[in-house]
N, C-alpha and C. Protein backbone atom coordinates (compact mmCIF):
# COMPACT_ATOMS: atom_id res chain seq x y z
N MET A 1 126.70 -28.62 -83.33
CA MET A 1 126.61 -28.47 -81.90
C MET A 1 126.39 -29.82 -81.21
N ARG A 2 125.65 -30.67 -81.86
CA ARG A 2 125.36 -31.97 -81.27
C ARG A 2 126.63 -32.80 -81.09
N ARG A 3 127.54 -32.69 -82.03
CA ARG A 3 128.79 -33.44 -81.94
C ARG A 3 129.62 -33.00 -80.74
N LEU A 4 129.63 -31.71 -80.44
CA LEU A 4 130.37 -31.21 -79.29
C LEU A 4 129.82 -31.75 -77.98
N MET A 5 128.53 -32.00 -77.93
CA MET A 5 127.93 -32.55 -76.71
C MET A 5 128.27 -34.03 -76.56
N LEU A 6 128.50 -34.72 -77.68
CA LEU A 6 128.77 -36.14 -77.65
C LEU A 6 130.20 -36.44 -77.17
N VAL A 7 131.14 -35.57 -77.46
CA VAL A 7 132.54 -35.81 -77.10
C VAL A 7 132.73 -35.97 -75.59
N PRO A 8 132.21 -35.07 -74.74
CA PRO A 8 132.39 -35.29 -73.29
C PRO A 8 131.77 -36.59 -72.81
N LEU A 9 130.65 -36.98 -73.40
CA LEU A 9 130.02 -38.24 -73.02
C LEU A 9 130.93 -39.42 -73.36
N LEU A 10 131.53 -39.39 -74.55
CA LEU A 10 132.43 -40.47 -74.94
C LEU A 10 133.66 -40.53 -74.04
N VAL A 11 134.17 -39.38 -73.64
CA VAL A 11 135.33 -39.35 -72.75
C VAL A 11 134.97 -39.96 -71.39
N VAL A 12 133.80 -39.62 -70.89
CA VAL A 12 133.35 -40.18 -69.60
C VAL A 12 133.18 -41.68 -69.71
N LEU A 13 132.58 -42.15 -70.80
CA LEU A 13 132.40 -43.60 -70.98
C LEU A 13 133.74 -44.31 -71.10
N ALA A 14 134.66 -43.71 -71.83
CA ALA A 14 135.99 -44.31 -71.97
C ALA A 14 136.71 -44.34 -70.63
N TRP A 15 136.62 -43.25 -69.88
CA TRP A 15 137.27 -43.19 -68.57
C TRP A 15 136.71 -44.26 -67.65
N ASN A 16 135.39 -44.45 -67.66
CA ASN A 16 134.79 -45.48 -66.82
C ASN A 16 135.30 -46.86 -67.21
N ALA A 17 135.45 -47.10 -68.50
CA ALA A 17 135.97 -48.39 -68.96
C ALA A 17 137.41 -48.58 -68.52
N VAL A 18 138.24 -47.54 -68.64
CA VAL A 18 139.66 -47.64 -68.28
C VAL A 18 139.83 -47.79 -66.78
N SER A 19 139.02 -47.10 -66.01
CA SER A 19 139.20 -47.15 -64.56
C SER A 19 138.92 -48.55 -64.00
N GLU A 20 138.20 -49.37 -64.77
CA GLU A 20 137.91 -50.72 -64.32
C GLU A 20 138.90 -51.75 -64.84
N VAL A 21 139.75 -51.36 -65.76
CA VAL A 21 140.70 -52.29 -66.38
C VAL A 21 141.97 -52.37 -65.52
N ARG A 22 142.38 -53.55 -65.26
CA ARG A 22 143.62 -53.77 -64.55
C ARG A 22 144.40 -54.86 -65.27
N ALA A 23 145.66 -55.02 -64.95
CA ALA A 23 146.52 -55.96 -65.67
C ALA A 23 146.06 -57.41 -65.52
N ASP A 24 145.41 -57.75 -64.42
CA ASP A 24 145.01 -59.14 -64.20
C ASP A 24 143.60 -59.45 -64.70
N VAL A 25 142.93 -58.47 -65.28
CA VAL A 25 141.57 -58.66 -65.79
C VAL A 25 141.62 -58.64 -67.31
N PRO A 26 140.98 -59.60 -67.98
CA PRO A 26 141.01 -59.58 -69.43
C PRO A 26 140.34 -58.33 -69.97
N PRO A 27 140.80 -57.82 -71.10
CA PRO A 27 140.21 -56.60 -71.65
C PRO A 27 138.79 -56.83 -72.12
N VAL A 28 138.01 -55.77 -72.15
CA VAL A 28 136.64 -55.87 -72.63
C VAL A 28 136.61 -55.90 -74.15
N ALA A 29 137.68 -55.47 -74.80
CA ALA A 29 137.77 -55.47 -76.25
C ALA A 29 139.11 -56.03 -76.67
N ASP A 30 139.11 -56.71 -77.80
CA ASP A 30 140.36 -57.25 -78.32
C ASP A 30 140.89 -56.43 -79.48
N ASP A 31 140.16 -55.40 -79.88
CA ASP A 31 140.60 -54.57 -80.99
C ASP A 31 141.76 -53.69 -80.52
N PRO A 32 142.92 -53.79 -81.18
CA PRO A 32 144.06 -53.02 -80.72
C PRO A 32 143.84 -51.51 -80.77
N HIS A 33 143.04 -51.04 -81.71
CA HIS A 33 142.78 -49.61 -81.79
C HIS A 33 141.95 -49.14 -80.59
N ASP A 34 140.98 -49.95 -80.18
CA ASP A 34 140.19 -49.62 -79.00
C ASP A 34 141.07 -49.62 -77.75
N LEU A 35 141.94 -50.60 -77.64
CA LEU A 35 142.84 -50.67 -76.49
C LEU A 35 143.77 -49.46 -76.46
N ALA A 36 144.28 -49.07 -77.63
CA ALA A 36 145.16 -47.90 -77.70
C ALA A 36 144.40 -46.62 -77.33
N ASP A 37 143.14 -46.52 -77.76
CA ASP A 37 142.34 -45.36 -77.38
C ASP A 37 142.11 -45.31 -75.87
N MET A 38 141.85 -46.47 -75.28
CA MET A 38 141.66 -46.52 -73.83
C MET A 38 142.96 -46.18 -73.12
N ALA A 39 144.09 -46.58 -73.69
CA ALA A 39 145.40 -46.24 -73.10
C ALA A 39 145.62 -44.74 -73.15
N LEU A 40 145.20 -44.10 -74.22
CA LEU A 40 145.34 -42.65 -74.32
C LEU A 40 144.54 -41.94 -73.23
N VAL A 41 143.34 -42.43 -72.98
CA VAL A 41 142.51 -41.85 -71.91
C VAL A 41 143.19 -42.06 -70.56
N ALA A 42 143.76 -43.25 -70.34
CA ALA A 42 144.44 -43.53 -69.08
C ALA A 42 145.66 -42.63 -68.91
N ARG A 43 146.42 -42.41 -69.99
CA ARG A 43 147.60 -41.54 -69.90
C ARG A 43 147.21 -40.11 -69.58
N ARG A 44 146.13 -39.65 -70.17
CA ARG A 44 145.67 -38.28 -69.89
C ARG A 44 145.21 -38.13 -68.45
N ALA A 45 144.78 -39.24 -67.86
CA ALA A 45 144.38 -39.23 -66.46
C ALA A 45 145.55 -39.55 -65.54
N HIS A 46 146.76 -39.66 -66.10
CA HIS A 46 147.99 -39.94 -65.37
C HIS A 46 147.97 -41.32 -64.72
N ASP A 47 147.23 -42.25 -65.31
CA ASP A 47 147.23 -43.65 -64.85
C ASP A 47 148.14 -44.43 -65.80
N TYR A 48 149.46 -44.22 -65.63
CA TYR A 48 150.42 -44.74 -66.58
C TYR A 48 150.54 -46.26 -66.54
N GLY A 49 150.34 -46.86 -65.39
CA GLY A 49 150.40 -48.32 -65.30
C GLY A 49 149.30 -48.98 -66.13
N ALA A 50 148.09 -48.44 -66.04
CA ALA A 50 146.97 -48.97 -66.83
C ALA A 50 147.21 -48.72 -68.31
N ALA A 51 147.75 -47.56 -68.66
CA ALA A 51 148.03 -47.26 -70.06
C ALA A 51 149.05 -48.24 -70.63
N ALA A 52 150.10 -48.53 -69.88
CA ALA A 52 151.12 -49.47 -70.35
C ALA A 52 150.53 -50.86 -70.54
N ALA A 53 149.71 -51.31 -69.59
CA ALA A 53 149.10 -52.63 -69.70
C ALA A 53 148.18 -52.71 -70.93
N LEU A 54 147.43 -51.65 -71.18
CA LEU A 54 146.55 -51.63 -72.35
C LEU A 54 147.35 -51.65 -73.65
N LEU A 55 148.46 -50.92 -73.69
CA LEU A 55 149.28 -50.92 -74.90
C LEU A 55 149.99 -52.26 -75.10
N ASP A 56 150.35 -52.93 -74.02
CA ASP A 56 150.90 -54.28 -74.15
C ASP A 56 149.86 -55.22 -74.74
N ARG A 57 148.61 -55.09 -74.30
CA ARG A 57 147.53 -55.92 -74.85
C ARG A 57 147.28 -55.60 -76.32
N ALA A 58 147.35 -54.32 -76.66
CA ALA A 58 147.18 -53.93 -78.06
C ALA A 58 148.28 -54.56 -78.91
N HIS A 59 149.51 -54.56 -78.41
CA HIS A 59 150.62 -55.16 -79.15
C HIS A 59 150.45 -56.66 -79.27
N ASP A 60 149.94 -57.31 -78.24
CA ASP A 60 149.70 -58.75 -78.30
C ASP A 60 148.64 -59.08 -79.35
N ALA A 61 147.63 -58.20 -79.50
CA ALA A 61 146.57 -58.43 -80.47
C ALA A 61 147.03 -58.16 -81.90
N ALA A 62 147.85 -57.14 -82.08
CA ALA A 62 148.35 -56.77 -83.41
C ALA A 62 149.72 -56.11 -83.23
N PRO A 63 150.79 -56.88 -83.31
CA PRO A 63 152.12 -56.33 -83.06
C PRO A 63 152.44 -55.11 -83.93
N HIS A 64 152.84 -54.06 -83.26
CA HIS A 64 153.26 -52.83 -83.94
C HIS A 64 154.22 -52.10 -83.01
N PRO A 65 155.32 -51.57 -83.55
CA PRO A 65 156.32 -50.93 -82.68
C PRO A 65 155.81 -49.68 -81.96
N LEU A 66 154.81 -49.01 -82.51
CA LEU A 66 154.30 -47.82 -81.82
C LEU A 66 153.58 -48.18 -80.52
N TYR A 67 152.97 -49.37 -80.46
CA TYR A 67 152.37 -49.82 -79.20
C TYR A 67 153.48 -50.05 -78.17
N ARG A 68 154.59 -50.63 -78.60
CA ARG A 68 155.72 -50.85 -77.68
C ARG A 68 156.32 -49.51 -77.24
N LEU A 69 156.43 -48.58 -78.17
CA LEU A 69 156.96 -47.26 -77.84
C LEU A 69 156.08 -46.57 -76.80
N GLY A 70 154.79 -46.59 -77.01
CA GLY A 70 153.86 -45.98 -76.05
C GLY A 70 153.89 -46.67 -74.70
N ALA A 71 153.99 -48.01 -74.73
CA ALA A 71 154.07 -48.75 -73.47
C ALA A 71 155.36 -48.40 -72.73
N GLY A 72 156.46 -48.28 -73.47
CA GLY A 72 157.73 -47.91 -72.84
C GLY A 72 157.66 -46.53 -72.20
N GLU A 73 157.06 -45.58 -72.90
CA GLU A 73 156.91 -44.24 -72.34
C GLU A 73 156.04 -44.26 -71.09
N SER A 74 154.97 -45.07 -71.14
CA SER A 74 154.07 -45.15 -69.99
C SER A 74 154.74 -45.81 -68.79
N TYR A 75 155.49 -46.89 -69.04
CA TYR A 75 156.23 -47.52 -67.94
C TYR A 75 157.26 -46.56 -67.35
N LEU A 76 157.90 -45.78 -68.21
CA LEU A 76 158.87 -44.81 -67.73
C LEU A 76 158.20 -43.76 -66.84
N ALA A 77 157.04 -43.26 -67.28
CA ALA A 77 156.31 -42.28 -66.48
C ALA A 77 155.81 -42.88 -65.17
N ASP A 78 155.56 -44.19 -65.18
CA ASP A 78 155.09 -44.88 -63.98
C ASP A 78 156.25 -45.24 -63.04
N GLY A 79 157.48 -45.09 -63.52
CA GLY A 79 158.64 -45.38 -62.68
C GLY A 79 159.18 -46.78 -62.80
N ASP A 80 158.65 -47.58 -63.73
CA ASP A 80 159.12 -48.96 -63.91
C ASP A 80 160.20 -48.95 -65.00
N LEU A 81 161.43 -48.69 -64.58
CA LEU A 81 162.53 -48.51 -65.53
C LEU A 81 162.89 -49.79 -66.27
N GLU A 82 162.78 -50.93 -65.62
CA GLU A 82 163.13 -52.20 -66.27
C GLU A 82 162.20 -52.49 -67.45
N ARG A 83 160.90 -52.41 -67.20
CA ARG A 83 159.94 -52.65 -68.29
C ARG A 83 160.04 -51.55 -69.35
N ALA A 84 160.25 -50.32 -68.93
CA ALA A 84 160.37 -49.21 -69.88
C ALA A 84 161.53 -49.45 -70.83
N THR A 85 162.67 -49.84 -70.29
CA THR A 85 163.84 -50.10 -71.12
C THR A 85 163.59 -51.24 -72.10
N THR A 86 162.95 -52.31 -71.61
CA THR A 86 162.66 -53.45 -72.47
C THR A 86 161.74 -53.05 -73.61
N ARG A 87 160.63 -52.35 -73.30
CA ARG A 87 159.67 -51.97 -74.34
C ARG A 87 160.28 -50.99 -75.35
N LEU A 88 161.07 -50.04 -74.87
CA LEU A 88 161.67 -49.07 -75.78
C LEU A 88 162.71 -49.74 -76.68
N ARG A 89 163.47 -50.67 -76.15
CA ARG A 89 164.44 -51.40 -77.00
C ARG A 89 163.73 -52.24 -78.04
N GLU A 90 162.63 -52.88 -77.65
CA GLU A 90 161.85 -53.67 -78.61
C GLU A 90 161.30 -52.77 -79.73
N ALA A 91 160.83 -51.59 -79.37
CA ALA A 91 160.28 -50.68 -80.36
C ALA A 91 161.36 -50.19 -81.32
N LEU A 92 162.52 -49.84 -80.77
CA LEU A 92 163.59 -49.32 -81.61
C LEU A 92 164.23 -50.39 -82.48
N ALA A 93 164.14 -51.64 -82.06
CA ALA A 93 164.72 -52.74 -82.83
C ALA A 93 163.79 -53.21 -83.96
N ALA A 94 162.55 -52.79 -83.93
CA ALA A 94 161.58 -53.24 -84.94
C ALA A 94 161.94 -52.66 -86.31
N PRO A 95 161.94 -53.50 -87.34
CA PRO A 95 162.30 -53.00 -88.67
C PRO A 95 161.24 -52.09 -89.28
N ASP A 96 160.01 -52.17 -88.82
CA ASP A 96 158.94 -51.37 -89.40
C ASP A 96 158.57 -50.15 -88.55
N LEU A 97 159.48 -49.69 -87.73
CA LEU A 97 159.23 -48.47 -86.95
C LEU A 97 159.15 -47.29 -87.91
N PRO A 98 158.04 -46.56 -87.88
CA PRO A 98 157.91 -45.43 -88.82
C PRO A 98 158.87 -44.30 -88.51
C-alpha cells in the first residue's frame, strides 16, 4: 500500500520538474534516462514541445535512435513538421534501431 501512495507523489514531483524545463534552460539532470522519463511526463501532459526538447537532450547525452524517434513523434504532435521529419529520418537511418 505504501508504494501506491508514493507513485502519485513521484508524478507530481516529475511534473513540477518538467513544467520548469524549457529549451533555453540547461537540464537539471544529464542522465538520458531521467530526461526520457521527464519527456514521458511532458507527453502525458500534452506538452509536446518540452518532451521533444528533453528527448533531444537525452540523445545528445547518449545517442540512441529511440530518443530521436520519440522526439520526432513529439515534434509531429506539436505541429513542427520540419523538425519532426528530420528526427524521424535520423531515427530510421540509424543502424542500431531495434
